[in-house]
Amino acid sequence: MAQISFDQYKQRIQDAIQNKVIAKGIISGDPEGFILLDGFFNIPFQKELGGAFVIGGPTIPAVAIVGKSTGIIHTFAIKALLPDVQL
């Protein structure tokens, strides 16, 4: 996986969330708007559940926004927002 800097992509991420998600009404709005959390998340996933947590398994690189008045957190896969980014 390539290493990318959040600061390098922050404006593109904000624009993509605004244009692809918020402007189209895909998520419910927050009357005071949203805050983009300042960093990436790696959401782990696995094909089986059995009580064991797999270290070093596959993850989904993501970002998140938080509603200013609601506190609702919405997460977005980086590749869905910026398909051209090489991860």
PDB file of N, CA and C in Angstrom:
ATOM      1  N   MET A   1       0.842  -1.178   0.000  1.00  0.00           N
ATOM      2  CA  MET A   1       0.000   0.000   0.000  1.00  0.00           C
ATOM      3  C   MET A   1       0.888   1.243   0.000  1.00  0.00           C
ATOM      4  N   ALA A   2       0.590   2.172  -0.886  1.00  0.00           N
ATOM      5  CA  ALA A   2       1.332   3.425  -0.953  1.00  0.00           C
ATOM      6  C   ALA A   2       0.983   4.291   0.254  1.00  0.00           C
ATOM      7  N   GLN A   3       1.899   5.161   0.620  1.00  0.00           N
ATOM      8  CA  GLN A   3       1.651   6.064   1.736  1.00  0.00           C
ATOM      9  C   GLN A   3       1.224   7.417   1.184  1.00  0.00           C
ATOM     10  N   ILE A   4       0.083   7.935   1.660  1.00  0.00           N
ATOM     11  CA  ILE A   4      -0.380   9.249   1.222  1.00  0.00           C
ATOM     12  C   ILE A   4      -0.586  10.136   2.447  1.00  0.00           C
ATOM     13  N   SER A   5      -0.426  11.433   2.257  1.00  0.00           N
ATOM     14  CA  SER A   5      -0.563  12.404   3.333  1.00  0.00           C
ATOM     15  C   SER A   5      -1.978  12.965   3.345  1.00  0.00           C
ATOM     16  N   PHE A   6      -2.612  12.984   4.532  1.00  0.00           N
ATOM     17  CA  PHE A   6      -3.948  13.536   4.643  1.00  0.00           C
ATOM     18  C   PHE A   6      -3.968  14.995   4.202  1.00  0.00           C
ATOM     19  N   ASP A   7      -2.984  15.770   4.651  1.00  0.00           N
ATOM     20  CA  ASP A   7      -2.949  17.197   4.308  1.00  0.00           C
ATOM     21  C   ASP A   7      -2.886  17.415   2.801  1.00  0.00           C
ATOM     22  N   GLN A   8      -2.203  16.531   2.103  1.00  0.00           N
ATOM     23  CA  GLN A   8      -2.074  16.639   0.650  1.00  0.00           C
ATOM     24  C   GLN A   8      -3.430  16.459  -0.046  1.00  0.00           C
ATOM     25  N   TYR A   9      -4.320  15.663   0.531  1.00  0.00           N
ATOM     26  CA  TYR A   9      -5.596  15.330  -0.107  1.00  0.00           C
ATOM     27  C   TYR A   9      -6.806  15.949   0.581  1.00  0.00           C
ATOM     28  N   LYS A  10      -6.604  16.688   1.647  1.00  0.00           N
ATOM     29  CA  LYS A  10      -7.720  17.204   2.450  1.00  0.00           C
ATOM     30  C   LYS A  10      -8.732  17.991   1.616  1.00  0.00           C
ATOM     31  N   GLN A  11      -8.287  18.923   0.815  1.00  0.00           N
ATOM     32  CA  GLN A  11      -9.228  19.732   0.034  1.00  0.00           C
ATOM     33  C   GLN A  11      -9.990  18.880  -0.972  1.00  0.00           C
ATOM     34  N   ARG A  12      -9.315  17.947  -1.619  1.00  0.00           N
ATOM     35  CA  ARG A  12      -9.989  17.059  -2.577  1.00  0.00           C
ATOM     36  C   ARG A  12     -11.017  16.176  -1.872  1.00  0.00           C
ATOM     37  N   ILE A  13     -10.694  15.721  -0.673  1.00  0.00           N
ATOM     38  CA  ILE A  13     -11.623  14.895   0.104  1.00  0.00           C
ATOM     39  C   ILE A  13     -12.855  15.718   0.467  1.00  0.00           C
ATOM     40  N   GLN A  14     -12.643  16.940   0.970  1.00  0.00           N
ATOM     41  CA  GLN A  14     -13.767  17.801   1.325  1.00  0.00           C
ATOM     42  C   GLN A  14     -14.649  18.067   0.108  1.00  0.00           C
ATOM     43  N   ASP A  15     -14.045  18.375  -1.021  1.00  0.00           N
ATOM     44  CA  ASP A  15     -14.806  18.648  -2.247  1.00  0.00           C
ATOM     45  C   ASP A  15     -15.601  17.420  -2.681  1.00  0.00           C
ATOM     46  N   ALA A  16     -14.983  16.249  -2.620  1.00  0.00           N
ATOM     47  CA  ALA A  16     -15.660  15.018  -3.032  1.00  0.00           C
ATOM     48  C   ALA A  16     -16.851  14.714  -2.123  1.00  0.00           C
ATOM     49  N   ILE A  17     -16.690  14.887  -0.821  1.00  0.00           N
ATOM     50  CA  ILE A  17     -17.800  14.648   0.105  1.00  0.00           C
ATOM     51  C   ILE A  17     -18.926  15.639  -0.184  1.00  0.00           C
ATOM     52  N   GLN A  18     -18.577  16.895  -0.383  1.00  0.00           N
ATOM     53  CA  GLN A  18     -19.597  17.900  -0.671  1.00  0.00           C
ATOM     54  C   GLN A  18     -20.337  17.584  -1.968  1.00  0.00           C
ATOM     55  N   ASN A  19     -19.598  17.284  -3.039  1.00  0.00           N
ATOM     56  CA  ASN A  19     -20.203  17.094  -4.360  1.00  0.00           C
ATOM     57  C   ASN A  19     -20.873  15.741  -4.554  1.00  0.00           C
ATOM     58  N   LYS A  20     -20.287  14.681  -4.004  1.00  0.00           N
ATOM     59  CA  LYS A  20     -20.809  13.333  -4.226  1.00  0.00           C
ATOM     60  C   LYS A  20     -21.837  12.904  -3.181  1.00  0.00           C
ATOM     61  N   VAL A  21     -21.816  13.526  -2.003  1.00  0.00           N
ATOM     62  CA  VAL A  21     -22.641  13.027  -0.907  1.00  0.00           C
ATOM     63  C   VAL A  21     -23.613  14.083  -0.389  1.00  0.00           C
ATOM     64  N   ILE A  22     -23.097  15.171   0.124  1.00  0.00           N
ATOM     65  CA  ILE A  22     -23.950  16.162   0.784  1.00  0.00           C
ATOM     66  C   ILE A  22     -24.862  16.868  -0.219  1.00  0.00           C
ATOM     67  N   ALA A  23     -24.310  17.351  -1.318  1.00  0.00           N
ATOM     68  CA  ALA A  23     -25.106  18.081  -2.310  1.00  0.00           C
ATOM     69  C   ALA A  23     -26.214  17.217  -2.908  1.00  0.00           C
ATOM     70  N   LYS A  24     -26.002  15.915  -2.958  1.00  0.00           N
ATOM     71  CA  LYS A  24     -27.002  14.997  -3.522  1.00  0.00           C
ATOM     72  C   LYS A  24     -27.984  14.488  -2.465  1.00  0.00           C
ATOM     73  N   GLY A  25     -27.827  14.921  -1.221  1.00  0.00           N
ATOM     74  CA  GLY A  25     -28.745  14.519  -0.158  1.00  0.00           C
ATOM     75  C   GLY A  25     -28.622  13.059   0.239  1.00  0.00           C
ATOM     76  N   ILE A  26     -27.466  12.448   0.019  1.00  0.00           N
ATOM     77  CA  ILE A  26     -27.281  11.030   0.330  1.00  0.00           C
ATOM     78  C   ILE A  26     -27.267  10.792   1.843  1.00  0.00           C
ATOM     79  N   ILE A  27     -26.738  11.746   2.598  1.00  0.00           N
ATOM     80  CA  ILE A  27     -26.798  11.646   4.057  1.00  0.00           C
ATOM     81  C   ILE A  27     -27.665  12.779   4.572  1.00  0.00           C
ATOM     82  N   SER A  28     -28.267  12.558   5.738  1.00  0.00           N
ATOM     83  CA  SER A  28     -29.084  13.609   6.316  1.00  0.00           C
ATOM     84  C   SER A  28     -28.193  14.762   6.749  1.00  0.00           C
ATOM     85  N   GLY A  29     -28.648  15.952   6.506  1.00  0.00           N
ATOM     86  CA  GLY A  29     -27.853  17.127   6.817  1.00  0.00           C
ATOM     87  C   GLY A  29     -27.818  17.426   8.297  1.00  0.00           C
ATOM     88  N   ASP A  30     -26.882  18.235   8.663  1.00  0.00           N
ATOM     89  CA  ASP A  30     -26.785  18.757  10.012  1.00  0.00           C
ATOM     90  C   ASP A  30     -27.008  20.257   9.875  1.00  0.00           C
ATOM     91  N   PRO A  31     -27.908  20.842  10.653  1.00  0.00           N
ATOM     92  CA  PRO A  31     -28.197  22.271  10.481  1.00  0.00           C
ATOM     93  C   PRO A  31     -26.975  23.176  10.619  1.00  0.00           C
ATOM     94  N   GLU A  32     -25.955  22.702  11.333  1.00  0.00           N
ATOM     95  CA  GLU A  32     -24.750  23.517  11.517  1.00  0.00           C
ATOM     96  C   GLU A  32     -23.598  23.061  10.634  1.00  0.00           C
ATOM     97  N   GLY A  33     -23.816  22.040   9.821  1.00  0.00           N
ATOM     98  CA  GLY A  33     -22.773  21.560   8.916  1.00  0.00           C
ATOM     99  C   GLY A  33     -21.961  20.435   9.519  1.00  0.00           C
ATOM    100  N   PHE A  34     -20.877  20.096   8.833  1.00  0.00           N
ATOM    101  CA  PHE A  34     -20.040  18.969   9.219  1.00  0.00           C
ATOM    102  C   PHE A  34     -18.584  19.399   9.371  1.00  0.00           C
ATOM    103  N   ILE A  35     -17.846  18.627  10.140  1.00  0.00           N
ATOM    104  CA  ILE A  35     -16.407  18.805  10.302  1.00  0.00           C
ATOM    105  C   ILE A  35     -15.722  17.552   9.771  1.00  0.00           C
ATOM    106  N   LEU A  36     -14.747  17.727   8.894  1.00  0.00           N
ATOM    107  CA  LEU A  36     -13.941  16.608   8.417  1.00  0.00           C
ATOM    108  C   LEU A  36     -12.891  16.308   9.476  1.00  0.00           C
ATOM    109  N   LEU A  37     -12.884  15.075   9.987  1.00  0.00           N
ATOM    110  CA  LEU A  37     -11.857  14.697  10.961  1.00  0.00           C
ATOM    111  C   LEU A  37     -10.501  14.699  10.267  1.00  0.00           C
ATOM    112  N   ASP A  38      -9.500  15.155  10.963  1.00  0.00           N
ATOM    113  CA  ASP A  38      -8.196  15.460  10.379  1.00  0.00           C
ATOM    114  C   ASP A  38      -7.272  14.248  10.343  1.00  0.00           C
ATOM    115  N   GLY A  39      -7.648  13.253   9.538  1.00  0.00           N
ATOM    116  CA  GLY A  39      -6.815  12.064   9.407  1.00  0.00           C
ATOM    117  C   GLY A  39      -7.581  10.919   8.779  1.00  0.00           C
ATOM    118  N   PHE A  40      -6.878   9.815   8.577  1.00  0.00           N
ATOM    119  CA  PHE A  40      -7.462   8.629   7.964  1.00  0.00           C
ATOM    120  C   PHE A  40      -7.819   7.594   9.021  1.00  0.00           C
ATOM    121  N   PHE A  41      -8.740   6.710   8.671  1.00  0.00           N
ATOM    122  CA  PHE A  41      -9.080   5.531   9.455  1.00  0.00           C
ATOM    123  C   PHE A  41      -8.772   4.322   8.596  1.00  0.00           C
ATOM    124  N   ASN A  42      -8.362   3.240   9.206  1.00  0.00           N
ATOM    125  CA  ASN A  42      -8.271   1.955   8.522  1.00  0.00           C
ATOM    126  C   ASN A  42      -9.270   1.042   9.201  1.00  0.00           C
ATOM    127  N   ILE A  43     -10.351   0.747   8.500  1.00  0.00           N
ATOM    128  CA  ILE A  43     -11.420  -0.073   9.057  1.00  0.00           C
ATOM    129  C   ILE A  43     -11.119  -1.536   8.729  1.00  0.00           C
ATOM    130  N   PRO A  44     -10.853  -2.350   9.740  1.00  0.00           N
ATOM    131  CA  PRO A  44     -10.525  -3.757   9.466  1.00  0.00           C
ATOM    132  C   PRO A  44     -11.783  -4.543   9.085  1.00  0.00           C
ATOM    133  N   PHE A  45     -11.594  -5.548   8.253  1.00  0.00           N
ATOM    134  CA  PHE A  45     -12.687  -6.467   7.964  1.00  0.00           C
ATOM    135  C   PHE A  45     -12.130  -7.872   7.817  1.00  0.00           C
ATOM    136  N   GLN A  46     -13.005  -8.842   8.077  1.00  0.00           N
ATOM    137  CA  GLN A  46     -12.607 -10.244   7.963  1.00  0.00           C
ATOM    138  C   GLN A  46     -13.808 -11.058   7.493  1.00  0.00           C
ATOM    139  N   LYS A  47     -13.544 -12.206   6.915  1.00  0.00           N
ATOM    140  CA  LYS A  47     -14.587 -13.029   6.309  1.00  0.00           C
ATOM    141  C   LYS A  47     -15.290 -13.947   7.292  1.00  0.00           C
ATOM    142  N   GLU A  48     -14.727 -14.134   8.470  1.00  0.00           N
ATOM    143  CA  GLU A  48     -15.331 -15.021   9.460  1.00  0.00           C
ATOM    144  C   GLU A  48     -15.299 -14.365  10.834  1.00  0.00           C
ATOM    145  N   LEU A  49     -16.309 -14.661  11.641  1.00  0.00           N
ATOM    146  CA  LEU A  49     -16.340 -14.206  13.022  1.00  0.00           C
ATOM    147  C   LEU A  49     -16.213 -15.419  13.920  1.00  0.00           C
ATOM    148  N   GLY A  50     -15.317 -15.349  14.850  1.00  0.00           N
ATOM    149  CA  GLY A  50     -15.140 -16.470  15.752  1.00  0.00           C
ATOM    150  C   GLY A  50     -14.505 -16.038  17.049  1.00  0.00           C
ATOM    151  N   GLY A  51     -14.584 -14.776  17.351  1.00  0.00           N
ATOM    152  CA  GLY A  51     -14.011 -14.277  18.587  1.00  0.00           C
ATOM    153  C   GLY A  51     -12.574 -13.830  18.467  1.00  0.00           C
ATOM    154  N   ALA A  52     -11.918 -14.143  17.365  1.00  0.00           N
ATOM    155  CA  ALA A  52     -10.517 -13.751  17.188  1.00  0.00           C
ATOM    156  C   ALA A  52     -10.447 -12.495  16.330  1.00  0.00           C
ATOM    157  N   PHE A  53      -9.563 -11.603  16.719  1.00  0.00           N
ATOM    158  CA  PHE A  53      -9.317 -10.397  15.938  1.00  0.00           C
ATOM    159  C   PHE A  53      -8.041 -10.603  15.139  1.00  0.00           C
ATOM    160  N   VAL A  54      -8.108 -10.415  13.844  1.00  0.00           N
ATOM    161  CA  VAL A  54      -6.965 -10.664  12.974  1.00  0.00           C
ATOM    162  C   VAL A  54      -6.111  -9.403  12.884  1.00  0.00           C
ATOM    163  N   ILE A  55      -4.875  -9.485  13.329  1.00  0.00           N
ATOM    164  CA  ILE A  55      -3.937  -8.375  13.230  1.00  0.00           C
ATOM    165  C   ILE A  55      -3.257  -8.441  11.866  1.00  0.00           C
ATOM    166  N   GLY A  56      -3.201  -7.305  11.191  1.00  0.00           N
ATOM    167  CA  GLY A  56      -2.524  -7.262   9.899  1.00  0.00           C
ATOM    168  C   GLY A  56      -3.375  -7.756   8.749  1.00  0.00           C
ATOM    169  N   GLY A  57      -4.663  -7.922   8.970  1.00  0.00           N
ATOM    170  CA  GLY A  57      -5.566  -8.344   7.904  1.00  0.00           C
ATOM    171  C   GLY A  57      -5.959  -7.181   7.012  1.00  0.00           C
ATOM    172  N   PRO A  58      -6.876  -7.423   6.085  1.00  0.00           N
ATOM    173  CA  PRO A  58      -7.288  -6.371   5.159  1.00  0.00           C
ATOM    174  C   PRO A  58      -8.047  -5.245   5.857  1.00  0.00           C
ATOM    175  N   THR A  59      -7.905  -4.041   5.331  1.00  0.00           N
ATOM    176  CA  THR A  59      -8.610  -2.876   5.870  1.00  0.00           C
ATOM    177  C   THR A  59      -9.178  -2.044   4.732  1.00  0.00           C
ATOM    178  N   ILE A  60     -10.108  -1.180   5.090  1.00  0.00           N
ATOM    179  CA  ILE A  60     -10.670  -0.214   4.149  1.00  0.00           C
ATOM    180  C   ILE A  60     -10.176   1.162   4.580  1.00  0.00           C
ATOM    181  N   PRO A  61      -9.309   1.818   3.794  1.00  0.00           N
ATOM    182  CA  PRO A  61      -8.886   3.175   4.120  1.00  0.00           C
ATOM    183  C   PRO A  61     -10.084   4.117   3.991  1.00  0.00           C
ATOM    184  N   ALA A  62     -10.298   4.939   5.009  1.00  0.00           N
ATOM    185  CA  ALA A  62     -11.491   5.780   5.052  1.00  0.00           C
ATOM    186  C   ALA A  62     -11.212   7.123   5.714  1.00  0.00           C
ATOM    187  N   VAL A  63     -12.178   8.032   5.547  1.00  0.00           N
ATOM    188  CA  VAL A  63     -12.194   9.311   6.254  1.00  0.00           C
ATOM    189  C   VAL A  63     -13.576   9.448   6.880  1.00  0.00           C
ATOM    190  N   ALA A  64     -13.721  10.418   7.783  1.00  0.00           N
ATOM    191  CA  ALA A  64     -15.002  10.603   8.452  1.00  0.00           C
ATOM    192  C   ALA A  64     -15.320  12.075   8.634  1.00  0.00           C
ATOM    193  N   ILE A  65     -16.626  12.364   8.641  1.00  0.00           N
ATOM    194  CA  ILE A  65     -17.111  13.693   8.999  1.00  0.00           C
ATOM    195  C   ILE A  65     -18.031  13.542  10.201  1.00  0.00           C
ATOM    196  N   VAL A  66     -18.129  14.624  10.992  1.00  0.00           N
ATOM    197  CA  VAL A  66     -18.968  14.629  12.184  1.00  0.00           C
ATOM    198  C   VAL A  66     -19.917  15.817  12.089  1.00  0.00           C
ATOM    199  N   GLY A  67     -21.195  15.570  12.332  1.00  0.00           N
ATOM    200  CA  GLY A  67     -22.169  16.658  12.362  1.00  0.00           C
ATOM    201  C   GLY A  67     -21.886  17.588  13.532  1.00  0.00           C
ATOM    202  N   LYS A  68     -21.831  18.885  13.271  1.00  0.00           N
ATOM    203  CA  LYS A  68     -21.490  19.848  14.326  1.00  0.00           C
ATOM    204  C   LYS A  68     -22.507  19.874  15.458  1.00  0.00           C
ATOM    205  N   SER A  69     -23.798  19.740  15.144  1.00  0.00           N
ATOM    206  CA  SER A  69     -24.791  19.785  16.220  1.00  0.00           C
ATOM    207  C   SER A  69     -25.306  18.404  16.612  1.00  0.00           C
ATOM    208  N   THR A  70     -25.254  17.432  15.699  1.00  0.00           N
ATOM    209  CA  THR A  70     -25.796  16.106  15.998  1.00  0.00           C
ATOM    210  C   THR A  70     -24.753  15.143  16.530  1.00  0.00           C
ATOM    211  N   GLY A  71     -23.491  15.333  16.139  1.00  0.00           N
ATOM    212  CA  GLY A  71     -22.438  14.405  16.532  1.00  0.00           C
ATOM    213  C   GLY A  71     -22.451  13.110  15.743  1.00  0.00           C
ATOM    214  N   ILE A  72     -23.323  13.009  14.750  1.00  0.00           N
ATOM    215  CA  ILE A  72     -23.377  11.795  13.933  1.00  0.00           C
ATOM    216  C   ILE A  72     -22.111  11.703  13.098  1.00  0.00           C
ATOM    217  N   ILE A  73     -21.492  10.521  13.097  1.00  0.00           N
ATOM    218  CA  ILE A  73     -20.261  10.285  12.347  1.00  0.00           C
ATOM    219  C   ILE A  73     -20.595   9.497  11.082  1.00  0.00           C
ATOM    220  N   HIS A  74     -20.153  10.008   9.947  1.00  0.00           N
ATOM    221  CA  HIS A  74     -20.305   9.318   8.666  1.00  0.00           C
ATOM    222  C   HIS A  74     -18.914   8.994   8.155  1.00  0.00           C
ATOM    223  N   THR A  75     -18.695   7.744   7.751  1.00  0.00           N
ATOM    224  CA  THR A  75     -17.400   7.353   7.210  1.00  0.00           C
ATOM    225  C   THR A  75     -17.518   7.089   5.712  1.00  0.00           C
ATOM    226  N   PHE A  76     -16.411   7.320   4.996  1.00  0.00           N
ATOM    227  CA  PHE A  76     -16.383   7.179   3.544  1.00  0.00           C
ATOM    228  C   PHE A  76     -15.083   6.498   3.130  1.00  0.00           C
ATOM    229  N   ALA A  77     -15.194   5.502   2.273  1.00  0.00           N
ATOM    230  CA  ALA A  77     -14.012   4.845   1.733  1.00  0.00           C
ATOM    231  C   ALA A  77     -13.282   5.816   0.814  1.00  0.00           C
ATOM    232  N   ILE A  78     -11.977   5.921   0.993  1.00  0.00           N
ATOM    233  CA  ILE A  78     -11.166   6.830   0.176  1.00  0.00           C
ATOM    234  C   ILE A  78     -11.331   6.537  -1.316  1.00  0.00           C
ATOM    235  N   LYS A  79     -11.295   5.264  -1.697  1.00  0.00           N
ATOM    236  CA  LYS A  79     -11.377   4.913  -3.125  1.00  0.00           C
ATOM    237  C   LYS A  79     -12.721   5.294  -3.732  1.00  0.00           C
ATOM    238  N   ALA A  80     -13.783   5.364  -2.942  1.00  0.00           N
ATOM    239  CA  ALA A  80     -15.075   5.806  -3.460  1.00  0.00           C
ATOM    240  C   ALA A  80     -15.075   7.316  -3.701  1.00  0.00           C
ATOM    241  N   LEU A  81     -14.384   8.045  -2.832  1.00  0.00           N
ATOM    242  CA  LEU A  81     -14.318   9.500  -2.985  1.00  0.00           C
ATOM    243  C   LEU A  81     -13.305   9.913  -4.047  1.00  0.00           C
ATOM    244  N   LEU A  82     -12.134   9.280  -4.020  1.00  0.00           N
ATOM    245  CA  LEU A  82     -11.034   9.645  -4.919  1.00  0.00           C
ATOM    246  C   LEU A  82     -10.523   8.385  -5.616  1.00  0.00           C
ATOM    247  N   PRO A  83     -11.247   7.910  -6.626  1.00  0.00           N
ATOM    248  CA  PRO A  83     -10.863   6.631  -7.260  1.00  0.00           C
ATOM    249  C   PRO A  83      -9.483   6.638  -7.912  1.00  0.00           C
ATOM    250  N   ASP A  84      -8.945   7.807  -8.219  1.00  0.00           N
ATOM    251  CA  ASP A  84      -7.644   7.882  -8.876  1.00  0.00           C
ATOM    252  C   ASP A  84      -6.470   7.773  -7.912  1.00  0.00           C
ATOM    253  N   VAL A  85      -6.720   7.867  -6.605  1.00  0.00           N
ATOM    254  CA  VAL A  85      -5.648   7.806  -5.611  1.00  0.00           C
ATOM    255  C   VAL A  85      -5.113   6.373  -5.536  1.00  0.00           C
ATOM    256  N   GLN A  86      -3.805   6.247  -5.629  1.00  0.00           N
ATOM    257  CA  GLN A  86      -3.163   4.930  -5.551  1.00  0.00           C
ATOM    258  C   GLN A  86      -2.862   4.601  -4.101  1.00  0.00           C
ATOM    259  N   LEU A  87      -3.525   3.603  -3.571  1.00  0.00           N
ATOM    260  CA  LEU A  87      -3.319   3.180  -2.183  1.00  0.00           C
ATOM    261  C   LEU A  87      -2.525   1.894  -2.143  1.00  0.00           C
TER     262      LEU A  87
END
